[in-house]
Amino acid sequence: MYKNILVPTDGSELSAKALEQALSLAKSVGANITVLHVMPPLSELPMSEVGEKYDALVDAGYILPASLNQKIQEAVATRSRAMLDNLCTRAAAAGVKCDGVVATGSSPHEAILRLARESKCDLIMMASHGRKGLSSLLLGSETAKVLTHSKIPVLVVR
């Protein structure tokens, strides 16, 4: 039935629920999973995170502005990679083969759809935060965008 399930994650509790459901499904049908974390470009990171990374890099002796952006982006990518490694360890413990992918982009839904195509995924299984009303309209929903544009099945976990 399914051979490769894509599970986008933002590190939230809801994403963890989607992963658990994906692991259960993957194990039952003998599928692999690919977990994806899309991190924003440095210019879109929350200032508290940028400031924290800046302070750490200055303390480590990095004072050249030209290299600072790259160093901060690498630090954030390292944190994302560690999160995905942890998720793949959980998958391995459940007996499911897992690949972790970190992508950078302003538009998570586009990165999700691109990776689904490139990895030949046959199902996207993702969480929905369930926003309603004005907050849904203003914040948008990456899940809704994936649902709208995906050419493969999408299973939404709430």
Foldseek 3Di string as FASTA:
>chain_A
DWAEEEQEDQPDPQSVVLLVVVLVVCVVVVHAYEYEYEAEQPVPDPPVLLVVQQVVVVVVPDDDPVCSSVSSVVVVVVVQVVVQVVSQVVSVVSVHHYHYYYHYDPQVLVVSQVVCVVVVGQEYGYEWPPDDDPCCVVVPTSLVVNVVPHPHYYHYGD
